């Protein structure tokens, strides 16, 4: 079950100032080792160590393949690929296939360096049973204890205002 907390928008410049929003409460972060242990507990013939090794190698290979311009699809999980955030350039001729700032200061003046890429990032697009539609079908939601206390207190205040 996904547990939800409530928070109030306190940004006075926002058009939604003072409104309440639900935010998912993140529980535990599973490392590859902990994931391998979890998987080994699901009656698999493979040991935690074997699973850990396979997952570690898979991560390394996915990184390598993505950095070589490939897309890796793991059915019912995600499609992984690298993408770039690019710098604007005034001329093709100044383009360099390099990562970094597009310009630099020289003697107080901005000089175009021609680095075409600001940064490289990993994209992961959900697929199969992990798409938004599928997750919405299967999810169970509930409130954290703290959020339920806020809800109950607000309901009591509303009832008191209506009956008072």
N, C-alpha and C. Protein backbone atom coordinates (compact mmCIF):
# COMPACT_ATOMS: atom_id res chain seq x y z
N UNK A 1 0.84 -1.17 0.00
CA UNK A 1 0.00 0.00 0.00
C UNK A 1 0.89 1.24 0.00
N UNK A 2 0.47 2.24 -0.76
CA UNK A 2 1.13 3.53 -0.76
C UNK A 2 0.49 4.39 0.32
N UNK A 3 1.29 4.90 1.24
CA UNK A 3 0.76 5.76 2.29
C UNK A 3 1.00 7.21 1.91
N UNK A 4 -0.02 8.02 2.16
CA UNK A 4 0.01 9.43 1.78
C UNK A 4 0.10 10.34 2.99
N UNK A 5 0.88 11.40 2.86
CA UNK A 5 0.93 12.49 3.83
C UNK A 5 0.23 13.68 3.23
N UNK A 6 -0.11 14.64 4.04
CA UNK A 6 -0.70 15.88 3.57
C UNK A 6 0.25 17.03 3.88
N UNK A 7 0.33 17.96 2.97
CA UNK A 7 1.11 19.17 3.23
C UNK A 7 0.37 20.34 2.63
N UNK A 8 0.65 21.51 3.19
CA UNK A 8 -0.02 22.72 2.75
C UNK A 8 0.97 23.56 1.96
N UNK A 9 0.51 24.13 0.85
CA UNK A 9 1.34 25.02 0.04
C UNK A 9 1.51 26.33 0.79
N UNK A 10 2.75 26.62 1.18
CA UNK A 10 3.05 27.84 1.94
C UNK A 10 3.72 28.91 1.09
N UNK A 11 3.70 28.74 -0.23
CA UNK A 11 4.30 29.72 -1.13
C UNK A 11 3.29 30.84 -1.38
N UNK A 12 3.54 31.99 -0.75
CA UNK A 12 2.60 33.11 -0.84
C UNK A 12 2.45 33.62 -2.28
N UNK A 13 3.41 33.34 -3.14
CA UNK A 13 3.34 33.79 -4.53
C UNK A 13 2.58 32.81 -5.43
N UNK A 14 2.19 31.68 -4.91
CA UNK A 14 1.51 30.65 -5.70
C UNK A 14 0.01 30.93 -5.74
N UNK A 15 -0.62 30.63 -6.87
CA UNK A 15 -2.07 30.76 -6.96
C UNK A 15 -2.76 29.70 -6.11
N UNK A 16 -2.02 28.67 -5.69
CA UNK A 16 -2.58 27.61 -4.86
C UNK A 16 -2.13 27.73 -3.40
N UNK A 17 -1.73 28.92 -3.01
CA UNK A 17 -1.29 29.17 -1.64
C UNK A 17 -2.37 28.72 -0.65
N UNK A 18 -1.95 28.00 0.39
CA UNK A 18 -2.86 27.57 1.43
C UNK A 18 -3.62 26.30 1.13
N UNK A 19 -3.53 25.80 -0.09
CA UNK A 19 -4.25 24.57 -0.44
C UNK A 19 -3.44 23.35 0.02
N UNK A 20 -4.17 22.28 0.32
CA UNK A 20 -3.55 21.04 0.79
C UNK A 20 -3.30 20.10 -0.38
N UNK A 21 -2.21 19.37 -0.30
CA UNK A 21 -1.83 18.39 -1.32
C UNK A 21 -1.44 17.08 -0.65
N UNK A 22 -1.68 15.98 -1.35
CA UNK A 22 -1.23 14.67 -0.90
C UNK A 22 0.16 14.41 -1.49
N UNK A 23 1.01 13.82 -0.67
CA UNK A 23 2.35 13.45 -1.12
C UNK A 23 2.63 12.05 -0.59
N UNK A 24 3.20 11.23 -1.44
CA UNK A 24 3.49 9.86 -1.04
C UNK A 24 4.59 9.83 0.00
N UNK A 25 4.40 9.00 1.00
CA UNK A 25 5.40 8.80 2.04
C UNK A 25 6.36 7.72 1.57
N UNK A 26 7.59 8.09 1.32
CA UNK A 26 8.60 7.11 0.88
C UNK A 26 9.04 6.31 2.09
N UNK A 27 8.99 5.01 1.95
CA UNK A 27 9.35 4.14 3.06
C UNK A 27 10.84 3.84 3.02
N UNK A 28 11.18 2.72 2.50
CA UNK A 28 12.55 2.24 2.55
C UNK A 28 13.16 2.24 1.16
N UNK A 29 14.44 2.49 1.07
CA UNK A 29 15.16 2.40 -0.19
C UNK A 29 15.86 1.05 -0.24
N UNK A 30 15.61 0.30 -1.30
CA UNK A 30 16.20 -1.02 -1.45
C UNK A 30 17.45 -0.93 -2.32
N UNK A 31 18.57 -1.34 -1.78
CA UNK A 31 19.80 -1.46 -2.55
C UNK A 31 19.70 -2.73 -3.39
N UNK A 32 20.65 -2.93 -4.28
CA UNK A 32 20.68 -4.17 -5.05
C UNK A 32 20.80 -5.37 -4.12
N UNK A 33 21.62 -5.23 -3.09
CA UNK A 33 21.80 -6.33 -2.14
C UNK A 33 20.49 -6.66 -1.42
N UNK A 34 19.80 -5.64 -1.00
CA UNK A 34 18.53 -5.86 -0.29
C UNK A 34 17.45 -6.39 -1.25
N UNK A 35 17.45 -5.92 -2.49
CA UNK A 35 16.53 -6.44 -3.49
C UNK A 35 16.82 -7.92 -3.75
N UNK A 36 18.10 -8.27 -3.84
CA UNK A 36 18.48 -9.68 -4.05
C UNK A 36 18.00 -10.55 -2.89
N UNK A 37 18.13 -10.03 -1.68
CA UNK A 37 17.65 -10.77 -0.51
C UNK A 37 16.14 -10.96 -0.58
N UNK A 38 15.43 -9.91 -0.94
CA UNK A 38 13.97 -9.97 -1.09
C UNK A 38 13.58 -11.01 -2.15
N UNK A 39 14.28 -10.97 -3.29
CA UNK A 39 13.97 -11.91 -4.36
C UNK A 39 14.28 -13.35 -3.94
N UNK A 40 15.37 -13.56 -3.22
CA UNK A 40 15.75 -14.90 -2.76
C UNK A 40 14.71 -15.46 -1.79
N UNK A 41 14.03 -14.59 -1.07
CA UNK A 41 12.98 -15.01 -0.13
C UNK A 41 11.70 -15.43 -0.83
N UNK A 42 11.63 -15.25 -2.15
CA UNK A 42 10.43 -15.61 -2.90
C UNK A 42 10.55 -17.01 -3.51
N UNK A 43 11.14 -17.92 -2.78
CA UNK A 43 11.23 -19.34 -3.15
C UNK A 43 11.87 -19.56 -4.51
N UNK A 44 12.93 -18.84 -4.78
CA UNK A 44 13.68 -19.04 -6.02
C UNK A 44 14.81 -20.02 -5.75
N UNK A 45 15.23 -20.77 -6.74
CA UNK A 45 16.35 -21.69 -6.52
C UNK A 45 17.70 -20.98 -6.47
N UNK A 46 17.70 -19.66 -6.72
CA UNK A 46 18.95 -18.92 -6.73
C UNK A 46 19.22 -18.28 -5.38
N UNK A 47 20.49 -18.23 -5.02
CA UNK A 47 20.87 -17.64 -3.74
C UNK A 47 20.86 -16.12 -3.83
N UNK A 48 20.86 -15.49 -2.68
CA UNK A 48 20.95 -14.03 -2.61
C UNK A 48 22.21 -13.55 -3.34
N UNK A 49 23.31 -14.25 -3.17
CA UNK A 49 24.57 -13.86 -3.81
C UNK A 49 24.51 -13.95 -5.33
N UNK A 50 23.89 -15.00 -5.83
CA UNK A 50 23.75 -15.15 -7.29
C UNK A 50 22.88 -14.05 -7.86
N UNK A 51 21.75 -13.80 -7.20
CA UNK A 51 20.85 -12.74 -7.66
C UNK A 51 21.54 -11.38 -7.59
N UNK A 52 22.26 -11.13 -6.51
CA UNK A 52 22.99 -9.87 -6.35
C UNK A 52 23.97 -9.68 -7.50
N UNK A 53 24.70 -10.73 -7.84
CA UNK A 53 25.67 -10.65 -8.93
C UNK A 53 25.01 -10.38 -10.27
N UNK A 54 23.89 -11.04 -10.52
CA UNK A 54 23.17 -10.84 -11.78
C UNK A 54 22.65 -9.41 -11.87
N UNK A 55 22.05 -8.92 -10.79
CA UNK A 55 21.52 -7.54 -10.80
C UNK A 55 22.63 -6.51 -10.96
N UNK A 56 23.74 -6.72 -10.25
CA UNK A 56 24.87 -5.79 -10.36
C UNK A 56 25.41 -5.76 -11.78
N UNK A 57 25.55 -6.94 -12.40
CA UNK A 57 26.00 -7.00 -13.79
C UNK A 57 24.99 -6.36 -14.72
N UNK A 58 23.69 -6.55 -14.45
CA UNK A 58 22.65 -5.96 -15.30
C UNK A 58 22.73 -4.44 -15.27
N UNK A 59 22.91 -3.87 -14.09
CA UNK A 59 23.01 -2.41 -13.96
C UNK A 59 24.21 -1.91 -14.75
N UNK A 60 25.33 -2.58 -14.62
CA UNK A 60 26.55 -2.19 -15.33
C UNK A 60 26.35 -2.26 -16.84
N UNK A 61 25.70 -3.32 -17.29
CA UNK A 61 25.47 -3.49 -18.73
C UNK A 61 24.46 -2.47 -19.27
N UNK A 62 23.41 -2.19 -18.50
CA UNK A 62 22.43 -1.19 -18.93
C UNK A 62 23.11 0.16 -19.08
N UNK A 63 23.96 0.52 -18.13
CA UNK A 63 24.70 1.79 -18.20
C UNK A 63 25.57 1.82 -19.46
N UNK A 64 26.32 0.75 -19.68
CA UNK A 64 27.21 0.67 -20.85
C UNK A 64 26.41 0.81 -22.15
N UNK A 65 25.33 0.06 -22.26
CA UNK A 65 24.52 0.10 -23.48
C UNK A 65 23.92 1.49 -23.71
N UNK A 66 23.41 2.09 -22.66
CA UNK A 66 22.83 3.43 -22.78
C UNK A 66 23.88 4.46 -23.19
N UNK A 67 25.06 4.37 -22.59
CA UNK A 67 26.14 5.31 -22.94
C UNK A 67 26.65 5.10 -24.35
N UNK A 68 26.32 3.96 -24.97
CA UNK A 68 26.67 3.72 -26.36
C UNK A 68 25.51 4.06 -27.31
N UNK A 69 24.49 4.74 -26.76
CA UNK A 69 23.39 5.20 -27.60
C UNK A 69 22.26 4.20 -27.78
N UNK A 70 22.30 3.11 -27.05
CA UNK A 70 21.24 2.10 -27.16
C UNK A 70 20.12 2.38 -26.17
N UNK A 71 18.99 1.81 -26.42
CA UNK A 71 17.85 1.84 -25.51
C UNK A 71 17.68 0.43 -24.97
N UNK A 72 17.45 0.31 -23.67
CA UNK A 72 17.27 -1.00 -23.05
C UNK A 72 15.86 -1.08 -22.50
N UNK A 73 15.11 -2.08 -22.95
CA UNK A 73 13.74 -2.27 -22.46
C UNK A 73 13.71 -3.50 -21.57
N UNK A 74 13.25 -3.30 -20.35
CA UNK A 74 12.99 -4.41 -19.44
C UNK A 74 11.47 -4.50 -19.34
N UNK A 75 10.93 -5.53 -19.98
CA UNK A 75 9.48 -5.68 -20.06
C UNK A 75 8.83 -5.52 -18.69
N UNK A 76 7.70 -4.84 -18.67
CA UNK A 76 6.90 -4.62 -17.48
C UNK A 76 7.62 -3.81 -16.40
N UNK A 77 8.66 -3.07 -16.79
CA UNK A 77 9.34 -2.18 -15.86
C UNK A 77 9.58 -0.83 -16.52
N UNK A 78 10.63 -0.76 -17.35
CA UNK A 78 10.96 0.53 -17.94
C UNK A 78 11.82 0.37 -19.18
N UNK A 79 11.82 1.43 -19.97
CA UNK A 79 12.72 1.58 -21.10
C UNK A 79 13.75 2.62 -20.68
N UNK A 80 15.02 2.24 -20.69
CA UNK A 80 16.10 3.11 -20.26
C UNK A 80 16.85 3.66 -21.46
N UNK A 81 17.17 4.95 -21.43
CA UNK A 81 17.94 5.57 -22.51
C UNK A 81 18.62 6.82 -21.98
N UNK A 82 19.71 7.20 -22.62
CA UNK A 82 20.36 8.46 -22.30
C UNK A 82 19.76 9.56 -23.18
N UNK A 83 19.75 10.74 -22.64
CA UNK A 83 19.28 11.91 -23.37
C UNK A 83 20.22 13.05 -23.01
N UNK A 84 20.19 14.09 -23.81
CA UNK A 84 21.04 15.24 -23.52
C UNK A 84 20.21 16.50 -23.37
N UNK A 85 20.68 17.38 -22.51
CA UNK A 85 20.15 18.73 -22.41
C UNK A 85 21.17 19.59 -23.14
N UNK A 86 20.74 20.25 -24.19
CA UNK A 86 21.72 20.93 -25.04
C UNK A 86 21.81 22.42 -24.75
N UNK A 87 22.92 22.99 -25.16
CA UNK A 87 23.16 24.42 -25.08
C UNK A 87 22.75 25.06 -26.41
N UNK A 88 22.22 26.26 -26.38
CA UNK A 88 21.93 26.96 -27.63
C UNK A 88 23.24 27.47 -28.26
N UNK A 89 23.33 27.38 -29.55
CA UNK A 89 24.52 27.87 -30.25
C UNK A 89 24.07 28.74 -31.42
N UNK A 90 24.81 29.80 -31.65
CA UNK A 90 24.43 30.72 -32.72
C UNK A 90 24.83 30.20 -34.10
N UNK A 91 25.80 29.32 -34.18
CA UNK A 91 26.30 28.81 -35.47
C UNK A 91 26.63 27.33 -35.34
N UNK A 92 26.36 26.57 -36.39
CA UNK A 92 26.77 25.17 -36.41
C UNK A 92 28.29 25.04 -36.30
N UNK A 93 28.98 25.99 -36.88
CA UNK A 93 30.45 25.90 -36.95
C UNK A 93 31.12 25.88 -35.59
N UNK A 94 30.44 26.41 -34.56
CA UNK A 94 31.07 26.44 -33.24
C UNK A 94 30.76 25.19 -32.42
N UNK A 95 29.93 24.31 -32.97
CA UNK A 95 29.49 23.13 -32.21
C UNK A 95 30.65 22.18 -31.95
N UNK A 96 30.74 21.78 -30.71
CA UNK A 96 31.70 20.74 -30.30
C UNK A 96 30.93 19.68 -29.55
N UNK A 97 31.18 18.43 -29.84
CA UNK A 97 30.52 17.34 -29.13
C UNK A 97 31.18 17.19 -27.77
N UNK A 98 30.82 18.09 -26.88
CA UNK A 98 31.41 18.11 -25.55
C UNK A 98 30.34 18.53 -24.54
N UNK A 99 30.57 18.18 -23.29
CA UNK A 99 29.67 18.52 -22.21
C UNK A 99 30.27 19.69 -21.44
N UNK A 100 29.43 20.63 -21.08
CA UNK A 100 29.89 21.74 -20.25
C UNK A 100 29.09 22.98 -20.53
N UNK A 101 29.55 24.07 -19.97
CA UNK A 101 28.89 25.35 -20.18
C UNK A 101 29.09 25.80 -21.62
N UNK A 102 28.09 26.47 -22.13
CA UNK A 102 28.15 26.95 -23.50
C UNK A 102 29.09 28.13 -23.65
N UNK A 103 29.23 28.91 -22.60
CA UNK A 103 30.06 30.10 -22.71
C UNK A 103 30.92 30.26 -21.46
N UNK A 104 31.91 31.08 -21.59
CA UNK A 104 32.80 31.37 -20.47
C UNK A 104 33.15 32.85 -20.51
N UNK A 105 33.62 33.37 -19.40
CA UNK A 105 34.01 34.79 -19.33
C UNK A 105 35.51 34.89 -19.59
N UNK A 106 35.86 35.75 -20.53
CA UNK A 106 37.27 36.05 -20.81
C UNK A 106 37.41 37.57 -20.79
N UNK A 107 38.23 38.06 -19.88
CA UNK A 107 38.42 39.51 -19.72
C UNK A 107 37.07 40.23 -19.59
N UNK A 108 36.16 39.62 -18.81
CA UNK A 108 34.87 40.26 -18.57
C UNK A 108 33.84 40.11 -19.68
N UNK A 109 34.23 39.48 -20.79
CA UNK A 109 33.29 39.30 -21.90
C UNK A 109 32.90 37.83 -22.01
N UNK A 110 31.65 37.58 -22.42
CA UNK A 110 31.17 36.22 -22.61
C UNK A 110 31.67 35.72 -23.96
N UNK A 111 32.33 34.57 -23.93
CA UNK A 111 32.86 33.96 -25.15
C UNK A 111 32.19 32.60 -25.33
N UNK A 112 31.64 32.37 -26.52
CA UNK A 112 30.98 31.11 -26.83
C UNK A 112 32.02 30.00 -26.96
N UNK A 113 31.81 28.89 -26.22
CA UNK A 113 32.76 27.78 -26.30
C UNK A 113 32.32 26.72 -27.29
N UNK A 114 31.03 26.66 -27.58
CA UNK A 114 30.53 25.71 -28.56
C UNK A 114 30.24 24.33 -28.02
N UNK A 115 30.33 24.12 -26.71
CA UNK A 115 29.97 22.82 -26.18
C UNK A 115 28.49 22.60 -26.43
N UNK A 116 28.18 21.57 -27.18
CA UNK A 116 26.81 21.34 -27.62
C UNK A 116 25.91 20.83 -26.49
N UNK A 117 26.50 20.19 -25.50
CA UNK A 117 25.69 19.52 -24.47
C UNK A 117 25.92 20.14 -23.11
N UNK A 118 24.81 20.49 -22.45
CA UNK A 118 24.87 21.01 -21.09
C UNK A 118 25.05 19.86 -20.10
N UNK A 119 24.27 18.78 -20.29
CA UNK A 119 24.39 17.61 -19.43
C UNK A 119 23.76 16.39 -20.10
N UNK A 120 24.17 15.23 -19.63
CA UNK A 120 23.60 13.96 -20.08
C UNK A 120 22.77 13.41 -18.93
N UNK A 121 21.61 12.88 -19.27
CA UNK A 121 20.75 12.34 -18.22
C UNK A 121 20.19 11.00 -18.65
N UNK A 122 19.79 10.21 -17.67
CA UNK A 122 19.16 8.92 -17.92
C UNK A 122 17.66 9.11 -17.88
N UNK A 123 16.98 8.61 -18.89
CA UNK A 123 15.52 8.61 -18.90
C UNK A 123 15.05 7.18 -18.68
N UNK A 124 14.00 7.05 -17.91
CA UNK A 124 13.38 5.75 -17.71
C UNK A 124 11.89 5.95 -17.94
N UNK A 125 11.37 5.31 -18.96
CA UNK A 125 9.95 5.41 -19.30
C UNK A 125 9.28 4.10 -18.93
N UNK A 126 8.23 4.20 -18.16
CA UNK A 126 7.55 2.98 -17.70
C UNK A 126 6.95 2.22 -18.88
N UNK A 127 6.88 0.91 -18.70
CA UNK A 127 6.35 0.06 -19.76
C UNK A 127 5.56 -1.09 -19.14
N UNK A 128 4.64 -1.65 -19.91
CA UNK A 128 3.89 -2.83 -19.47
C UNK A 128 3.13 -2.61 -18.19
N UNK A 129 3.39 -3.44 -17.18
CA UNK A 129 2.67 -3.39 -15.92
C UNK A 129 3.07 -2.18 -15.06
N UNK A 130 4.05 -1.39 -15.49
CA UNK A 130 4.46 -0.21 -14.74
C UNK A 130 3.97 1.08 -15.35
N UNK A 131 3.14 1.02 -16.39
CA UNK A 131 2.61 2.25 -16.96
C UNK A 131 1.63 2.90 -15.98
N UNK A 132 1.38 4.17 -16.16
CA UNK A 132 0.48 4.91 -15.28
C UNK A 132 -0.90 4.23 -15.21
N UNK A 133 -1.41 3.81 -16.36
CA UNK A 133 -2.72 3.17 -16.40
C UNK A 133 -2.74 1.91 -15.55
N UNK A 134 -1.72 1.07 -15.70
CA UNK A 134 -1.66 -0.18 -14.95
C UNK A 134 -1.45 0.07 -13.46
N UNK A 135 -0.60 1.02 -13.12
CA UNK A 135 -0.37 1.33 -11.70
C UNK A 135 -1.65 1.85 -11.05
N UNK A 136 -2.40 2.70 -11.77
CA UNK A 136 -3.65 3.22 -11.23
C UNK A 136 -4.68 2.12 -10.98
N UNK A 137 -4.63 1.06 -11.79
CA UNK A 137 -5.55 -0.06 -11.60
C UNK A 137 -5.21 -0.86 -10.34
N UNK A 138 -3.92 -1.00 -10.06
CA UNK A 138 -3.47 -1.94 -9.03
C UNK A 138 -3.14 -1.32 -7.67
N UNK A 139 -3.04 -0.01 -7.60
CA UNK A 139 -2.56 0.63 -6.38
C UNK A 139 -3.61 0.60 -5.27
N UNK A 140 -3.13 0.50 -4.05
CA UNK A 140 -3.95 0.68 -2.85
C UNK A 140 -3.36 1.88 -2.12
N UNK A 141 -4.22 2.82 -1.74
CA UNK A 141 -3.77 4.04 -1.08
C UNK A 141 -4.32 4.11 0.34
N UNK A 142 -3.56 4.72 1.21
CA UNK A 142 -4.00 4.94 2.58
C UNK A 142 -3.26 6.14 3.15
N UNK A 143 -3.74 6.65 4.26
CA UNK A 143 -3.12 7.81 4.90
C UNK A 143 -2.13 7.36 5.96
N UNK A 144 -1.05 8.12 6.13
CA UNK A 144 -0.16 7.90 7.26
C UNK A 144 -0.92 8.31 8.52
N UNK A 145 -0.42 7.90 9.67
CA UNK A 145 -1.06 8.26 10.94
C UNK A 145 -1.12 9.77 11.09
N UNK A 146 -0.05 10.46 10.73
CA UNK A 146 0.00 11.92 10.84
C UNK A 146 -1.07 12.57 9.95
N UNK A 147 -1.20 12.09 8.72
CA UNK A 147 -2.19 12.65 7.80
C UNK A 147 -3.60 12.38 8.31
N UNK A 148 -3.85 11.18 8.83
CA UNK A 148 -5.18 10.86 9.35
C UNK A 148 -5.53 11.76 10.53
N UNK A 149 -4.54 12.08 11.36
CA UNK A 149 -4.78 13.00 12.48
C UNK A 149 -5.17 14.39 11.97
N UNK A 150 -4.50 14.85 10.91
CA UNK A 150 -4.85 16.15 10.32
C UNK A 150 -6.27 16.14 9.76
N UNK A 151 -6.63 15.05 9.09
CA UNK A 151 -7.98 14.92 8.51
C UNK A 151 -9.03 14.91 9.62
N UNK A 152 -8.78 14.10 10.66
CA UNK A 152 -9.74 14.00 11.76
C UNK A 152 -9.90 15.35 12.47
N UNK A 153 -8.79 16.06 12.70
CA UNK A 153 -8.85 17.36 13.37
C UNK A 153 -9.62 18.37 12.52
N UNK A 154 -9.42 18.33 11.22
CA UNK A 154 -10.12 19.28 10.34
C UNK A 154 -11.61 18.95 10.28
N UNK A 155 -11.95 17.65 10.26
CA UNK A 155 -13.36 17.25 10.27
C UNK A 155 -14.04 17.72 11.56
N UNK A 156 -13.34 17.56 12.68
CA UNK A 156 -13.89 17.99 13.97
C UNK A 156 -14.11 19.49 13.97
N UNK A 157 -13.15 20.24 13.44
CA UNK A 157 -13.27 21.69 13.38
C UNK A 157 -14.45 22.10 12.49
N UNK A 158 -14.62 21.41 11.37
CA UNK A 158 -15.75 21.70 10.47
C UNK A 158 -17.09 21.41 11.16
N UNK A 159 -17.15 20.26 11.87
CA UNK A 159 -18.39 19.91 12.58
C UNK A 159 -18.69 20.92 13.68
N UNK A 160 -17.67 21.34 14.40
CA UNK A 160 -17.85 22.32 15.46
C UNK A 160 -18.34 23.66 14.88
N UNK A 161 -17.77 24.06 13.76
CA UNK A 161 -18.18 25.32 13.10
C UNK A 161 -19.62 25.23 12.61
N UNK A 162 -20.01 24.07 12.10
CA UNK A 162 -21.37 23.89 11.59
C UNK A 162 -22.39 23.77 12.72
N UNK A 163 -21.97 23.23 13.87
CA UNK A 163 -22.89 23.03 14.99
C UNK A 163 -22.82 24.17 16.02
N UNK A 164 -21.86 25.07 15.84
CA UNK A 164 -21.65 26.12 16.85
C UNK A 164 -22.25 27.38 16.47
